[in-house]
Amino acid sequence: MILDDYGIWSLLPPVLAIVLAILTRQVLVSLLVGIWVGYTVVHDGNPLLGAIASSRACVDVFADAGNTCVILFSAMVGALIALIQRSGGVNGFVSLAQNTGFVRGRRSAGLLALTVSLLVFVESSITCLVTGAVARPIFDKLRMSREKLAYVCDTGSAPVCILIPLNGWGAFVLAQLAASGVVADPLAVLVRAIPLNFYALASLLLLGFIIVSGRDFGPMRRAERRAHDEGKLLRDGAQPMISEEVLALPPAPETTPRAWNMILPLAVMVAMVPVGLVYTGLSNLAPETPRTFWAILGACSGSTSIFWAVATAVIFAGLLYRVQGIMKLREFMEVAIKGVAALVPLAALMVLAFAIGHLCRAELHTGTYVASLVGDNLATWMVAPIMFVVSCAIAFATGTSFGTFAIMLAIALQMQASLGGNQALVVAAVLGGGVFGDHCSPISDTTIVSSMASASDHIDHVRTQLPYALTAGLVALVFYTIGGLVL
């Protein structure tokens, strides 16, 4: 079967996996079915060859160093969480937040989580992890649902990173703009696109409004009522992405709860990310390439940097707790392994998410097919809203913002060059649509990490966040339409 023959069949695997996941709440099984169906399509409908290719695809995930780093750091986060819990750092931080009066109730707890998200913009996964680690014990204490925390983690990550592009996100977009061949000044276009990224702005403004007003709606409202009235942080039968046994790990005997035992390891993790980005960027640059800020970021490895950051934080935590006499090496290893074991299901989910993402991008070319549905005879004002919708569809189906940017920026800019329209607006529409689709997709790595960081059931997170994402997306679509007419 040749590439062009796949057509609409290229949409079947991701759509099937997403629908099954939402209906059955069995994400792993749903992804496996989607992968198997996809490779069956690739092998001319032969289910046996599809099954063989599916198993090989899952193994091949580890052939990509970036994928391996993401899977490993996702598991290692469990070790860090368990160590912080065992050290008494969580209890100490909750006491500090309450005794200082900074967190007085649900509103201030939500604002704390949002503030952390805004400050930690070096990488979306780190933003999720730090926000979850800081806010989860406080949310639990105030009987706020885990779904609400997952929403804050998710919405405060990718939108913030794309609006403050002094990170790998900004460097990747700049590289795509430069490679398009139609952008004279990529940095200027990126800067002008920031205030036009209506989805990122709308999603953050909506999050702020929900936190301040407390006016939740849809499934989130029911989740918040359940947590507040019944004290159930998760619904009955929910499967949190990290074991409650780890989150409830008691502090070591005769340990004085100290907030610094939580704050310092997290600070080390955050600080190590830019160090890793600069180091990997310098290492990957060709000798003849000028060592500029954006060149270094463009050559860096985000997954490797995060892996180093989490590993350094775990080692630092072990040394910090050993100096205080909280735990010796043997207990350190036991607690760390228990934390890693609690996140084995997450690692498995990451493997399958990467496998179906590769299937859609490299085998079925789902994104290219969706993009090809856009005609060349659009009115000028329609370019930005159409690019927003198509980018959303691609990100939703493939679970990746970066992959969407790589496909759609070149297409959108070529269309803008031939049909006219505001170049920065079209770029912003692609970036906003990629983040929008990523927010809605159960197979997105950011969505998965947000569920893990908040210890939420993954499908519950997707279901409760979806109405908010759709609301912000509708607002953004209206503004992109208006922008196409007036800019």
Protein backbone atom coordinates (compact mmCIF):
# COMPACT_ATOMS: atom_id res chain seq x y z
CA MET A 1 0.00 0.00 0.00
CA ILE A 2 1.43 3.38 -0.96
CA LEU A 3 1.30 6.50 1.22
CA ASP A 4 -1.52 8.25 -0.68
CA ASP A 5 -3.78 5.21 -0.35
CA TYR A 6 -4.11 5.52 3.43
CA GLY A 7 -6.29 8.61 3.18
CA ILE A 8 -8.96 8.70 5.85
CA TRP A 9 -7.68 5.37 7.23
CA SER A 10 -4.76 7.30 8.73
CA LEU A 11 -7.22 8.86 11.18
CA LEU A 12 -8.61 5.53 12.42
CA PRO A 13 -5.87 4.49 14.93
CA PRO A 14 -5.69 7.73 16.98
CA VAL A 15 -9.44 8.36 16.88
CA LEU A 16 -10.20 4.75 17.85
CA ALA A 17 -7.67 4.85 20.71
CA ILE A 18 -9.03 8.13 22.06
CA VAL A 19 -12.69 7.11 21.84
CA LEU A 20 -12.03 3.73 23.47
CA ALA A 21 -10.01 5.37 26.25
CA ILE A 22 -12.82 7.77 27.07
CA LEU A 23 -15.53 5.10 26.88
CA THR A 24 -13.73 2.30 28.72
CA ARG A 25 -11.30 4.35 30.92
CA GLN A 26 -8.70 1.68 30.04
CA VAL A 27 -6.01 3.83 28.44
CA LEU A 28 -3.36 1.14 28.02
CA VAL A 29 -5.71 -1.31 26.31
CA SER A 30 -7.13 1.45 24.12
CA LEU A 31 -3.70 2.54 22.95
CA LEU A 32 -2.71 -1.05 22.21
CA VAL A 33 -5.83 -1.51 20.10
CA GLY A 34 -5.13 1.73 18.25
CA ILE A 35 -1.54 0.71 17.52
CA TRP A 36 -2.57 -2.75 16.34
CA VAL A 37 -5.29 -1.37 14.05
CA GLY A 38 -2.84 1.17 12.64
CA TYR A 39 -0.19 -1.37 11.77
CA THR A 40 -2.88 -3.67 10.39
CA VAL A 41 -3.78 -0.84 8.00
CA VAL A 42 -0.09 -0.41 7.11
CA HIS A 43 0.15 -4.15 6.31
CA ASP A 44 -2.82 -4.21 3.94
CA GLY A 45 -5.32 -5.41 6.54
CA ASN A 46 -3.30 -8.40 7.78
CA PRO A 47 -3.99 -8.55 11.55
CA LEU A 48 -1.14 -11.00 12.27
CA LEU A 49 1.48 -8.80 10.61
CA GLY A 50 -0.14 -5.85 12.35
CA ALA A 51 0.35 -7.52 15.74
CA ILE A 52 4.00 -8.35 14.98
CA ALA A 53 4.69 -4.81 13.81
CA SER A 54 2.93 -3.38 16.90
CA SER A 55 5.16 -5.30 19.29
CA ARG A 56 8.23 -4.23 17.34
CA ALA A 57 7.07 -0.59 17.38
CA CYS A 58 6.82 -0.63 21.18
CA VAL A 59 10.37 -1.94 21.44
CA ASP A 60 11.61 0.59 18.89
CA VAL A 61 10.39 3.41 21.11
CA PHE A 62 13.60 2.97 23.11
CA ALA A 63 15.73 3.38 19.97
CA ASP A 64 15.05 7.11 20.31
CA ALA A 65 17.22 8.53 23.09
CA GLY A 66 14.73 11.32 23.69
CA ASN A 67 11.87 8.89 24.26
CA THR A 68 14.00 6.82 26.62
CA CYS A 69 14.93 9.90 28.65
CA VAL A 70 11.27 10.92 28.99
CA ILE A 71 10.24 7.43 30.13
CA LEU A 72 13.09 7.24 32.63
CA PHE A 73 12.57 10.67 34.12
CA SER A 74 8.83 9.99 34.40
CA ALA A 75 9.63 6.92 36.51
CA MET A 76 12.34 8.70 38.50
CA VAL A 77 9.90 11.42 39.51
CA GLY A 78 8.20 8.72 41.57
CA ALA A 79 11.44 8.24 43.50
CA LEU A 80 11.71 11.98 44.15
CA ILE A 81 8.11 12.22 45.35
CA ALA A 82 8.54 9.24 47.68
CA LEU A 83 11.78 10.63 49.12
CA ILE A 84 10.29 14.06 49.76
CA GLN A 85 7.28 12.44 51.41
CA ARG A 86 9.47 10.22 53.60
CA SER A 87 11.68 13.13 54.65
CA GLY A 88 8.75 15.06 56.13
CA GLY A 89 9.21 17.77 53.51
CA VAL A 90 5.58 17.64 52.37
CA ASN A 91 4.21 18.03 55.90
CA GLY A 92 6.69 20.81 56.57
CA PHE A 93 5.69 22.69 53.41
CA VAL A 94 1.97 22.44 54.19
CA SER A 95 2.60 23.76 57.70
CA LEU A 96 4.72 26.61 56.33
CA ALA A 97 2.08 27.61 53.77
CA GLN A 98 -0.66 27.64 56.40
CA ASN A 99 1.34 29.25 59.23
CA THR A 100 2.58 32.12 57.06
CA GLY A 101 -0.98 32.88 56.04
CA PHE A 102 -0.17 32.78 52.33
CA VAL A 103 -2.64 29.95 51.77
CA ARG A 104 -5.88 30.63 53.60
CA GLY A 105 -8.32 28.75 51.44
CA ARG A 106 -9.16 27.27 48.07
CA ARG A 107 -8.67 30.51 46.14
CA SER A 108 -5.20 31.24 47.51
CA ALA A 109 -4.21 27.58 46.99
CA GLY A 110 -5.20 27.83 43.34
CA LEU A 111 -3.34 31.13 42.96
CA LEU A 112 -0.23 29.53 44.49
CA ALA A 113 -0.35 26.74 41.91
CA LEU A 114 -0.89 29.22 39.07
CA THR A 115 1.98 31.40 40.30
CA VAL A 116 4.35 28.43 40.35
CA SER A 117 3.31 27.57 36.78
CA LEU A 118 4.01 31.12 35.61
CA LEU A 119 7.44 31.20 37.27
CA VAL A 120 8.65 27.80 36.04
CA PHE A 121 8.52 28.23 32.27
CA VAL A 122 11.77 26.48 31.35
CA GLU A 123 9.99 23.32 30.09
CA SER A 124 6.39 22.15 30.10
CA SER A 125 7.00 18.80 31.85
CA ILE A 126 9.02 20.44 34.63
CA THR A 127 6.26 23.03 35.03
CA CYS A 128 3.70 20.25 35.54
CA LEU A 129 5.91 18.32 37.94
CA VAL A 130 6.84 21.27 40.14
CA THR A 131 3.30 22.66 40.23
CA GLY A 132 1.92 19.26 41.20
CA ALA A 133 4.55 18.64 43.86
CA VAL A 134 4.04 22.06 45.46
CA ALA A 135 0.26 22.28 45.27
CA ARG A 136 -0.94 18.68 45.69
CA PRO A 137 -0.54 18.42 49.48
CA ILE A 138 -2.25 21.80 49.94
CA PHE A 139 -5.09 20.91 47.57
CA ASP A 140 -5.54 17.61 49.43
CA LYS A 141 -5.62 19.41 52.78
CA LEU A 142 -8.31 21.80 51.54
CA ARG A 143 -10.31 18.98 49.92
CA MET A 144 -9.85 20.19 46.35
CA SER A 145 -10.19 17.52 43.68
CA ARG A 146 -7.19 16.00 41.97
CA GLU A 147 -8.90 16.75 38.65
CA LYS A 148 -8.76 20.46 39.49
CA LEU A 149 -5.04 20.26 40.22
CA ALA A 150 -4.42 18.38 36.97
CA TYR A 151 -6.24 21.15 35.10
CA VAL A 152 -4.04 23.79 36.73
CA CYS A 153 -0.87 21.80 35.97
CA ASP A 154 -1.83 21.23 32.32
CA THR A 155 -3.10 24.71 31.54
CA GLY A 156 -0.18 26.35 33.33
CA SER A 157 2.43 24.45 31.33
CA ALA A 158 2.28 24.56 27.51
CA PRO A 159 0.44 27.93 27.25
CA VAL A 160 3.01 29.54 29.56
CA CYS A 161 5.94 28.00 27.70
CA ILE A 162 4.66 29.21 24.32
CA LEU A 163 3.92 32.72 25.64
CA ILE A 164 7.32 33.04 27.34
CA PRO A 165 9.45 31.39 24.64
CA LEU A 166 12.82 31.71 26.39
CA ASN A 167 13.07 27.94 26.31
CA GLY A 168 13.17 24.98 23.97
CA TRP A 169 9.66 25.79 22.71
CA GLY A 170 10.74 29.20 21.44
CA ALA A 171 13.91 27.83 19.86
CA PHE A 172 11.98 25.07 18.05
CA VAL A 173 9.45 27.52 16.64
CA LEU A 174 12.22 29.90 15.54
CA ALA A 175 13.95 27.04 13.71
CA GLN A 176 10.72 26.16 11.92
CA LEU A 177 10.12 29.79 10.93
CA ALA A 178 13.67 30.13 9.61
CA ALA A 179 13.35 26.90 7.62
CA SER A 180 10.09 27.96 5.98
CA GLY A 181 11.89 30.22 3.51
CA VAL A 182 9.19 32.92 3.61
CA VAL A 183 9.91 34.62 6.97
CA ALA A 184 12.40 37.47 6.69
CA ASP A 185 12.84 38.00 10.45
CA PRO A 186 11.82 34.89 12.46
CA LEU A 187 12.44 36.47 15.89
CA ALA A 188 10.34 39.53 15.08
CA VAL A 189 7.48 37.36 13.81
CA LEU A 190 7.62 35.17 16.92
CA VAL A 191 7.51 38.22 19.20
CA ARG A 192 4.57 39.73 17.27
CA ALA A 193 2.76 36.37 17.46
CA ILE A 194 2.82 36.25 21.27
CA PRO A 195 -0.04 38.74 21.91
CA LEU A 196 -1.97 37.13 19.03
CA ASN A 197 -1.81 33.62 20.53
CA PHE A 198 -5.45 33.85 21.55
CA TYR A 199 -5.81 30.25 22.73
CA ALA A 200 -2.88 30.40 25.15
CA LEU A 201 -4.07 33.74 26.49
CA ALA A 202 -7.72 32.66 26.73
CA SER A 203 -6.89 29.40 28.50
CA LEU A 204 -4.76 31.19 31.12
CA LEU A 205 -7.33 33.95 31.64
CA LEU A 206 -10.08 31.35 32.01
CA LEU A 207 -7.95 29.42 34.52
CA GLY A 208 -7.40 32.61 36.53
CA PHE A 209 -11.11 33.38 36.45
CA ILE A 210 -12.05 29.86 37.58
CA ILE A 211 -9.57 30.02 40.46
CA VAL A 212 -10.62 33.48 41.69
CA SER A 213 -14.37 33.08 41.21
CA GLY A 214 -14.66 29.39 42.08
CA ARG A 215 -17.28 29.07 39.30
CA ASP A 216 -16.46 25.64 37.92
CA PHE A 217 -18.72 24.06 35.33
CA GLY A 218 -19.28 20.72 33.65
CA PRO A 219 -17.68 17.55 35.07
CA MET A 220 -15.19 19.66 37.04
CA ARG A 221 -17.99 21.18 39.08
CA ARG A 222 -19.18 17.72 40.08
CA ALA A 223 -15.62 16.67 40.93
CA GLU A 224 -15.13 19.73 43.15
CA ARG A 225 -18.42 19.13 44.93
CA ARG A 226 -17.48 15.50 45.53
CA ALA A 227 -14.13 16.48 47.00
CA HIS A 228 -15.50 19.32 49.13
CA ASP A 229 -18.72 17.71 50.37
CA GLU A 230 -17.65 14.09 50.63
CA GLY A 231 -13.90 14.45 51.09
CA LYS A 232 -13.25 12.23 48.04
CA LEU A 233 -10.26 13.64 46.17
CA LEU A 234 -10.83 11.02 43.46
CA ARG A 235 -14.05 9.42 42.27
CA ASP A 236 -14.85 5.90 43.40
CA GLY A 237 -13.02 3.44 41.19
CA ALA A 238 -10.53 5.99 39.89
CA GLN A 239 -7.02 4.85 38.98
CA PRO A 240 -4.55 7.62 39.89
CA MET A 241 -1.37 7.83 37.85
CA ILE A 242 0.72 7.42 41.01
CA SER A 243 -0.07 5.08 43.88
CA GLU A 244 -1.80 6.58 46.91
CA GLU A 245 0.48 4.35 48.96
CA VAL A 246 3.45 6.47 47.93
CA LEU A 247 1.62 9.75 48.54
CA ALA A 248 0.60 8.55 52.00
CA LEU A 249 4.12 7.34 52.88
CA PRO A 250 4.67 8.44 56.51
CA PRO A 251 7.73 10.55 57.44
CA ALA A 252 10.68 8.64 58.86
CA PRO A 253 10.47 8.09 62.65
CA GLU A 254 11.53 11.03 64.85
CA THR A 255 11.76 13.31 61.82
CA THR A 256 11.02 17.00 62.22
CA PRO A 257 8.92 18.22 59.26
CA ARG A 258 10.93 20.84 57.40
CA ALA A 259 9.68 22.68 54.31
CA TRP A 260 13.24 22.92 52.98
CA ASN A 261 13.32 19.15 52.54
CA MET A 262 10.75 19.67 49.80
CA ILE A 263 11.73 23.09 48.48
CA LEU A 264 15.47 22.48 48.00
CA PRO A 265 15.24 19.29 45.87
CA LEU A 266 12.58 20.91 43.69
CA ALA A 267 14.70 24.06 43.35
CA VAL A 268 17.68 21.94 42.30
CA MET A 269 15.53 20.18 39.70
CA VAL A 270 14.30 23.47 38.24
CA ALA A 271 17.77 25.05 38.27
CA MET A 272 19.34 22.09 36.50
CA VAL A 273 17.03 22.32 33.48
CA PRO A 274 18.56 25.50 31.97
CA VAL A 275 22.02 24.15 32.81
CA GLY A 276 21.21 20.99 30.85
CA LEU A 277 19.68 22.97 27.99
CA VAL A 278 22.80 25.12 27.61
CA TYR A 279 25.19 22.16 27.93
CA THR A 280 23.38 19.95 25.43
CA GLY A 281 22.92 22.93 23.10
CA LEU A 282 26.62 23.74 23.12
CA SER A 283 27.51 20.07 22.67
CA ASN A 284 25.22 19.67 19.65
CA LEU A 285 26.20 22.88 17.85
CA ALA A 286 28.46 22.56 14.85
CA PRO A 287 31.90 24.18 15.40
CA GLU A 288 31.26 26.82 12.74
CA THR A 289 27.86 27.87 14.18
CA PRO A 290 27.85 31.15 16.17
CA ARG A 291 27.21 30.61 19.88
CA THR A 292 24.11 32.79 20.14
CA PHE A 293 21.34 32.34 22.73
CA TRP A 294 18.76 31.10 20.22
CA ALA A 295 21.28 28.90 18.41
CA ILE A 296 22.15 27.14 21.67
CA LEU A 297 18.48 26.64 22.55
CA GLY A 298 17.76 25.42 19.04
CA ALA A 299 20.38 22.67 19.35
CA CYS A 300 19.57 21.60 22.92
CA SER A 301 17.88 18.38 24.05
CA GLY A 302 14.93 19.05 26.35
CA SER A 303 14.36 15.39 27.26
CA THR A 304 18.00 14.86 28.21
CA SER A 305 18.03 18.07 30.25
CA ILE A 306 14.95 17.03 32.22
CA PHE A 307 16.37 13.56 32.81
CA TRP A 308 19.58 15.09 34.23
CA ALA A 309 17.54 17.53 36.32
CA VAL A 310 15.40 14.83 37.94
CA ALA A 311 18.41 12.54 38.50
CA THR A 312 20.37 15.38 40.11
CA ALA A 313 17.42 16.25 42.34
CA VAL A 314 17.11 12.63 43.52
CA ILE A 315 20.85 12.45 44.35
CA PHE A 316 20.73 15.83 46.07
CA ALA A 317 17.72 14.76 48.13
CA GLY A 318 19.53 11.60 49.23
CA LEU A 319 22.57 13.60 50.38
CA LEU A 320 20.41 16.24 52.07
CA TYR A 321 18.45 13.67 54.03
CA ARG A 322 21.58 11.68 54.92
CA VAL A 323 23.27 14.77 56.39
CA GLN A 324 20.19 15.33 58.57
CA GLY A 325 20.19 11.70 59.66
CA ILE A 326 16.71 11.12 58.20
CA MET A 327 17.62 8.05 56.15
CA LYS A 328 20.70 6.01 55.35
CA LEU A 329 21.63 4.61 51.96
CA ARG A 330 19.67 1.40 52.37
CA GLU A 331 16.41 3.15 53.24
CA PHE A 332 17.08 5.74 50.54
CA MET A 333 17.23 2.97 47.92
CA GLU A 334 14.17 1.20 49.30
CA VAL A 335 12.07 4.37 49.24
CA ALA A 336 13.35 5.40 45.82
CA ILE A 337 12.60 1.98 44.31
CA LYS A 338 9.13 2.03 45.83
CA GLY A 339 8.52 5.40 44.20
CA VAL A 340 9.78 4.19 40.81
CA ALA A 341 7.61 1.07 41.05
CA ALA A 342 4.55 3.23 41.64
CA LEU A 343 5.08 4.88 38.26
CA VAL A 344 5.63 1.77 36.17
CA PRO A 345 2.07 2.10 34.74
CA LEU A 346 2.95 5.65 33.70
CA ALA A 347 6.11 4.43 31.96
CA ALA A 348 4.06 1.82 30.09
CA LEU A 349 1.57 4.50 29.07
CA MET A 350 4.41 6.69 27.80
CA VAL A 351 5.78 3.82 25.68
CA LEU A 352 2.41 3.26 24.02
CA ALA A 353 1.81 6.99 23.54
CA PHE A 354 5.17 7.34 21.81
CA ALA A 355 4.46 4.26 19.69
CA ILE A 356 1.10 5.50 18.42
CA GLY A 357 2.59 8.96 17.88
CA HIS A 358 5.34 7.48 15.71
CA LEU A 359 2.77 5.38 13.85
CA CYS A 360 0.70 8.47 13.01
CA ARG A 361 3.67 10.63 12.03
CA ALA A 362 6.05 8.25 10.26
CA GLU A 363 3.86 5.42 8.97
CA LEU A 364 0.36 6.75 8.31
CA HIS A 365 1.30 10.44 7.97
CA THR A 366 -1.92 11.43 9.71
CA GLY A 367 -0.92 15.07 10.12
CA THR A 368 0.01 15.45 6.47
CA TYR A 369 -3.34 13.98 5.42
CA VAL A 370 -5.31 16.31 7.67
CA ALA A 371 -3.32 19.28 6.41
CA SER A 372 -3.97 18.23 2.81
CA LEU A 373 -7.71 18.61 3.33
CA VAL A 374 -7.28 22.37 3.37
CA GLY A 375 -7.90 23.82 -0.07
CA ASP A 376 -5.88 26.57 -1.75
CA ASN A 377 -8.90 28.71 -2.62
CA LEU A 378 -9.57 30.19 0.80
CA ALA A 379 -10.43 33.83 1.33
CA THR A 380 -7.61 35.74 3.03
CA TRP A 381 -9.52 36.22 6.28
CA MET A 382 -10.10 32.46 6.56
CA VAL A 383 -6.42 31.46 6.64
CA ALA A 384 -5.82 32.03 10.37
CA PRO A 385 -9.03 30.37 11.72
CA ILE A 386 -8.64 27.40 9.34
CA MET A 387 -5.00 26.93 10.37
CA PHE A 388 -6.09 27.02 14.01
CA VAL A 389 -8.70 24.30 13.50
CA VAL A 390 -6.43 22.07 11.40
CA SER A 391 -3.53 22.42 13.86
CA CYS A 392 -5.87 21.47 16.68
CA ALA A 393 -7.02 18.36 14.79
CA ILE A 394 -3.46 17.25 14.08
CA ALA A 395 -2.30 17.78 17.68
CA PHE A 396 -5.36 15.97 19.01
CA ALA A 397 -4.80 12.98 16.75
CA THR A 398 -1.03 12.74 17.19
CA GLY A 399 -0.66 13.98 20.79
CA THR A 400 2.21 16.35 20.04
CA SER A 401 2.42 20.13 19.78
CA PHE A 402 5.95 20.06 18.36
CA GLY A 403 5.00 17.62 15.62
CA THR A 404 2.05 19.84 14.74
CA PHE A 405 4.28 22.90 14.54
CA ALA A 406 6.71 21.05 12.28
CA ILE A 407 3.91 20.07 9.87
CA MET A 408 1.73 23.15 9.93
CA LEU A 409 4.04 26.17 10.16
CA ALA A 410 5.51 25.56 6.72
CA ILE A 411 2.08 24.90 5.18
CA ALA A 412 0.45 27.88 6.90
CA LEU A 413 3.22 30.29 5.95
CA GLN A 414 3.19 29.18 2.33
CA MET A 415 -0.58 29.70 2.20
CA GLN A 416 -0.21 33.11 3.84
CA ALA A 417 2.45 34.08 1.31
CA SER A 418 0.18 33.18 -1.62
CA LEU A 419 -3.21 34.25 -0.26
CA GLY A 420 -2.17 37.19 1.93
CA GLY A 421 -3.04 37.96 5.54
CA ASN A 422 -1.11 38.84 8.65
CA GLN A 423 1.95 36.60 8.97
CA ALA A 424 2.22 36.82 12.77
CA LEU A 425 -1.50 36.04 13.14
CA VAL A 426 -1.17 32.90 11.04
CA VAL A 427 1.86 31.75 13.07
CA ALA A 428 -0.05 32.41 16.30
CA ALA A 429 -3.01 30.41 14.98
CA VAL A 430 -0.80 27.37 14.33
CA LEU A 431 0.88 27.64 17.74
CA GLY A 432 -2.44 28.14 19.53
CA GLY A 433 -4.09 25.29 17.65
CA GLY A 434 -1.21 22.95 18.46
CA VAL A 435 -1.47 23.70 22.17
CA PHE A 436 -5.29 23.45 22.05
CA GLY A 437 -5.28 20.00 20.45
CA ASP A 438 -2.52 18.88 22.79
CA HIS A 439 -4.66 19.93 25.77
CA CYS A 440 -7.63 17.91 24.56
CA SER A 441 -5.74 14.75 23.60
CA PRO A 442 -5.48 11.80 26.02
CA ILE A 443 -2.32 10.63 24.24
CA SER A 444 -0.44 13.90 24.73
CA ASP A 445 2.69 13.56 26.89
CA THR A 446 1.92 16.87 28.64
CA THR A 447 -1.59 15.67 29.50
CA ILE A 448 -0.17 12.40 30.79
CA VAL A 449 2.49 14.13 32.92
CA SER A 450 -0.17 16.49 34.34
CA SER A 451 -2.22 13.48 35.44
CA MET A 452 0.85 11.99 37.08
CA ALA A 453 1.96 15.22 38.77
CA SER A 454 -1.47 15.64 40.32
CA ALA A 455 -1.98 11.92 41.10
CA SER A 456 -5.22 12.05 39.12
CA ASP A 457 -7.02 9.46 37.06
CA HIS A 458 -5.90 10.22 33.51
CA ILE A 459 -9.27 9.95 31.76
CA ASP A 460 -10.96 11.90 34.57
CA HIS A 461 -8.42 14.67 33.94
CA VAL A 462 -9.19 14.65 30.21
CA ARG A 463 -12.96 14.69 30.75
CA THR A 464 -12.98 17.47 33.33
CA GLN A 465 -10.52 19.68 31.44
CA LEU A 466 -12.16 19.30 28.03
CA PRO A 467 -15.05 21.79 28.59
CA TYR A 468 -12.55 24.45 29.69
CA ALA A 469 -10.26 23.80 26.72
CA LEU A 470 -13.22 23.90 24.32
CA THR A 471 -14.42 27.18 25.84
CA ALA A 472 -11.01 28.80 25.42
CA GLY A 473 -10.73 27.27 21.95
CA LEU A 474 -14.08 28.74 20.86
CA VAL A 475 -13.05 32.18 22.13
CA ALA A 476 -9.74 31.86 20.28
CA LEU A 477 -11.48 30.82 17.05
CA VAL A 478 -13.68 33.92 17.22
CA PHE A 479 -10.67 36.16 17.73
CA TYR A 480 -8.69 34.50 14.92
CA THR A 481 -11.67 35.11 12.63
CA ILE A 482 -11.89 38.75 13.70
CA GLY A 483 -8.12 39.07 13.37
CA GLY A 484 -8.29 37.70 9.83
CA LEU A 485 -10.84 40.34 8.93
CA VAL A 486 -9.16 43.39 10.49
CA LEU A 487 -5.39 42.71 10.52
